[in-house]
Amino acid sequence: MKGMRLLAVILLSAHFAMLECKWNMAQKPYGIKKFLNTSFPIWTLYTTQGAKPRCEVDVVKYITKNSIAYHHFFYEGGQRRSIIMEGAFDKNRKSRIIVRPKGTKK
């Protein structure tokens, strides 16, 4: 019971601390292009309660003003797989990219 009270106090304190935080809403939003423009592998880990974690990695081959190509590595059926993906950046929404496996039709 003492532990539950302590947890409640911590959660309440964190809640009030967040209310007092002054978020800068005028901060410049960065687009997906800036995030992907790296020579480092981009690791993604998906987890769902009760399921095995799923790990994927993307390695950028090239990136231009309008497009990107990258290797997408993942496990499927216990086997390591890879596919080359290509994408086009959305000119109107910086946070969006349209991707598909290389060689498939739009």
C-alpha atoms as a PDB file:
ATOM      1  CA  MET A   1       0.000   0.000   0.000  1.00  0.00           C
ATOM      2  CA  LYS A   2       2.868   2.340   0.822  1.00  0.00           C
ATOM      3  CA  GLY A   3       4.334   1.640  -2.614  1.00  0.00           C
ATOM      4  CA  MET A   4       1.042   2.547  -4.313  1.00  0.00           C
ATOM      5  CA  ARG A   5       0.940   5.890  -2.502  1.00  0.00           C
ATOM      6  CA  LEU A   6       4.503   6.630  -3.536  1.00  0.00           C
ATOM      7  CA  LEU A   7       3.672   5.773  -7.147  1.00  0.00           C
ATOM      8  CA  ALA A   8       0.594   8.031  -7.026  1.00  0.00           C
ATOM      9  CA  VAL A   9       2.692  10.927  -5.662  1.00  0.00           C
ATOM     10  CA  ILE A  10       5.328  10.447  -8.366  1.00  0.00           C
ATOM     11  CA  LEU A  11       2.732  10.314 -11.148  1.00  0.00           C
ATOM     12  CA  LEU A  12       0.908  13.369  -9.819  1.00  0.00           C
ATOM     13  CA  SER A  13       4.188  15.295  -9.534  1.00  0.00           C
ATOM     14  CA  ALA A  14       5.145  14.355 -13.084  1.00  0.00           C
ATOM     15  CA  HIS A  15       1.721  15.478 -14.305  1.00  0.00           C
ATOM     16  CA  PHE A  16       2.056  18.914 -12.689  1.00  0.00           C
ATOM     17  CA  ALA A  17       5.640  19.263 -13.907  1.00  0.00           C
ATOM     18  CA  MET A  18       4.442  18.681 -17.482  1.00  0.00           C
ATOM     19  CA  LEU A  19       1.724  21.311 -17.068  1.00  0.00           C
ATOM     20  CA  GLU A  20       4.329  23.893 -16.110  1.00  0.00           C
ATOM     21  CA  CYS A  21       6.609  22.974 -18.975  1.00  0.00           C
ATOM     22  CA  LYS A  22       6.727  25.721 -21.567  1.00  0.00           C
ATOM     23  CA  TRP A  23       6.696  23.938 -24.922  1.00  0.00           C
ATOM     24  CA  ASN A  24       7.950  26.000 -27.833  1.00  0.00           C
ATOM     25  CA  MET A  25       5.153  25.533 -30.353  1.00  0.00           C
ATOM     26  CA  ALA A  26       6.919  27.785 -32.874  1.00  0.00           C
ATOM     27  CA  GLN A  27       9.740  25.276 -33.177  1.00  0.00           C
ATOM     28  CA  LYS A  28      10.616  24.445 -36.774  1.00  0.00           C
ATOM     29  CA  PRO A  29       9.301  20.983 -37.714  1.00  0.00           C
ATOM     30  CA  TYR A  30      11.811  18.733 -39.421  1.00  0.00           C
ATOM     31  CA  GLY A  31      10.705  16.489 -42.236  1.00  0.00           C
ATOM     32  CA  ILE A  32      11.276  12.836 -42.940  1.00  0.00           C
ATOM     33  CA  LYS A  33      13.981  13.729 -45.478  1.00  0.00           C
ATOM     34  CA  LYS A  34      16.198  15.208 -42.769  1.00  0.00           C
ATOM     35  CA  PHE A  35      15.659  12.132 -40.572  1.00  0.00           C
ATOM     36  CA  LEU A  36      16.575   9.710 -43.380  1.00  0.00           C
ATOM     37  CA  ASN A  37      19.590  11.688 -44.615  1.00  0.00           C
ATOM     38  CA  THR A  38      22.193   9.670 -42.700  1.00  0.00           C
ATOM     39  CA  SER A  39      24.927   7.169 -43.462  1.00  0.00           C
ATOM     40  CA  PHE A  40      24.098   5.257 -40.256  1.00  0.00           C
ATOM     41  CA  PRO A  41      21.701   2.288 -40.248  1.00  0.00           C
ATOM     42  CA  ILE A  42      18.208   3.206 -39.018  1.00  0.00           C
ATOM     43  CA  TRP A  43      16.981   0.568 -36.567  1.00  0.00           C
ATOM     44  CA  THR A  44      13.295   0.068 -35.807  1.00  0.00           C
ATOM     45  CA  LEU A  45      11.949  -2.191 -33.075  1.00  0.00           C
ATOM     46  CA  TYR A  46       8.261  -3.057 -32.937  1.00  0.00           C
ATOM     47  CA  THR A  47       6.824  -4.536 -29.763  1.00  0.00           C
ATOM     48  CA  THR A  48       3.312  -5.631 -28.929  1.00  0.00           C
ATOM     49  CA  GLN A  49       2.205  -7.070 -25.633  1.00  0.00           C
ATOM     50  CA  GLY A  50       2.322 -10.846 -25.824  1.00  0.00           C
ATOM     51  CA  ALA A  51       4.094 -10.973 -29.189  1.00  0.00           C
ATOM     52  CA  LYS A  52       7.745 -11.383 -30.104  1.00  0.00           C
ATOM     53  CA  PRO A  53       9.584  -8.110 -30.764  1.00  0.00           C
ATOM     54  CA  ARG A  54      10.163  -7.390 -34.442  1.00  0.00           C
ATOM     55  CA  CYS A  55      13.385  -5.685 -35.475  1.00  0.00           C
ATOM     56  CA  GLU A  56      14.111  -4.089 -38.852  1.00  0.00           C
ATOM     57  CA  VAL A  57      16.942  -1.961 -40.219  1.00  0.00           C
ATOM     58  CA  ASP A  58      17.117   0.406 -43.189  1.00  0.00           C
ATOM     59  CA  VAL A  59      20.374   1.481 -44.854  1.00  0.00           C
ATOM     60  CA  VAL A  60      20.155   4.437 -47.235  1.00  0.00           C
ATOM     61  CA  LYS A  61      21.726   3.865 -50.672  1.00  0.00           C
ATOM     62  CA  TYR A  62      21.073   7.363 -51.999  1.00  0.00           C
ATOM     63  CA  ILE A  63      18.894  10.332 -51.224  1.00  0.00           C
ATOM     64  CA  THR A  64      18.039  13.308 -53.452  1.00  0.00           C
ATOM     65  CA  LYS A  65      15.731  16.294 -53.179  1.00  0.00           C
ATOM     66  CA  ASN A  66      12.771  14.264 -54.463  1.00  0.00           C
ATOM     67  CA  SER A  67      13.555  10.591 -53.861  1.00  0.00           C
ATOM     68  CA  ILE A  68      15.352   7.932 -51.833  1.00  0.00           C
ATOM     69  CA  ALA A  69      16.471   4.331 -52.234  1.00  0.00           C
ATOM     70  CA  TYR A  70      17.402   2.110 -49.305  1.00  0.00           C
ATOM     71  CA  HIS A  71      17.999  -1.505 -48.296  1.00  0.00           C
ATOM     72  CA  HIS A  72      15.302  -2.779 -45.941  1.00  0.00           C
ATOM     73  CA  PHE A  73      16.485  -5.740 -43.806  1.00  0.00           C
ATOM     74  CA  PHE A  74      14.037  -7.832 -41.776  1.00  0.00           C
ATOM     75  CA  TYR A  75      13.274 -11.353 -40.570  1.00  0.00           C
ATOM     76  CA  GLU A  76      10.478 -13.380 -42.106  1.00  0.00           C
ATOM     77  CA  GLY A  77       9.740 -16.913 -40.983  1.00  0.00           C
ATOM     78  CA  GLY A  78      13.018 -17.007 -39.068  1.00  0.00           C
ATOM     79  CA  GLN A  79      15.026 -16.107 -42.180  1.00  0.00           C
ATOM     80  CA  ARG A  80      16.865 -12.847 -42.775  1.00  0.00           C
ATOM     81  CA  ARG A  81      15.500 -11.065 -45.835  1.00  0.00           C
ATOM     82  CA  SER A  82      16.284  -7.835 -47.621  1.00  0.00           C
ATOM     83  CA  ILE A  83      14.605  -5.766 -50.257  1.00  0.00           C
ATOM     84  CA  ILE A  84      15.541  -2.535 -51.966  1.00  0.00           C
ATOM     85  CA  MET A  85      12.893   0.110 -51.418  1.00  0.00           C
ATOM     86  CA  GLU A  86      12.457   3.370 -53.296  1.00  0.00           C
ATOM     87  CA  GLY A  87      10.428   6.341 -52.254  1.00  0.00           C
ATOM     88  CA  ALA A  88       9.244   9.785 -53.263  1.00  0.00           C
ATOM     89  CA  PHE A  89       9.013  12.652 -50.797  1.00  0.00           C
ATOM     90  CA  ASP A  90       5.656  14.411 -50.574  1.00  0.00           C
ATOM     91  CA  LYS A  91       6.121  18.029 -51.679  1.00  0.00           C
ATOM     92  CA  ASN A  92       3.187  19.279 -49.597  1.00  0.00           C
ATOM     93  CA  ARG A  93       3.698  17.297 -46.376  1.00  0.00           C
ATOM     94  CA  LYS A  94       7.286  17.110 -45.120  1.00  0.00           C
ATOM     95  CA  SER A  95       6.445  14.272 -42.744  1.00  0.00           C
ATOM     96  CA  ARG A  96       5.282  11.931 -45.522  1.00  0.00           C
ATOM     97  CA  ILE A  97       7.084   9.671 -47.961  1.00  0.00           C
ATOM     98  CA  ILE A  98       5.535   7.216 -50.427  1.00  0.00           C
ATOM     99  CA  VAL A  99       7.598   3.989 -50.604  1.00  0.00           C
ATOM    100  CA  ARG A 100       7.415   0.765 -52.578  1.00  0.00           C
ATOM    101  CA  PRO A 101       9.718  -2.127 -53.440  1.00  0.00           C
ATOM    102  CA  LYS A 102      12.083  -1.127 -56.249  1.00  0.00           C
ATOM    103  CA  GLY A 103      10.797  -2.079 -59.675  1.00  0.00           C
ATOM    104  CA  THR A 104       7.099  -2.192 -58.783  1.00  0.00           C
ATOM    105  CA  LYS A 105       4.646   0.104 -60.517  1.00  0.00           C
ATOM    106  CA  LYS A 106       3.299   3.234 -58.869  1.00  0.00           C
END
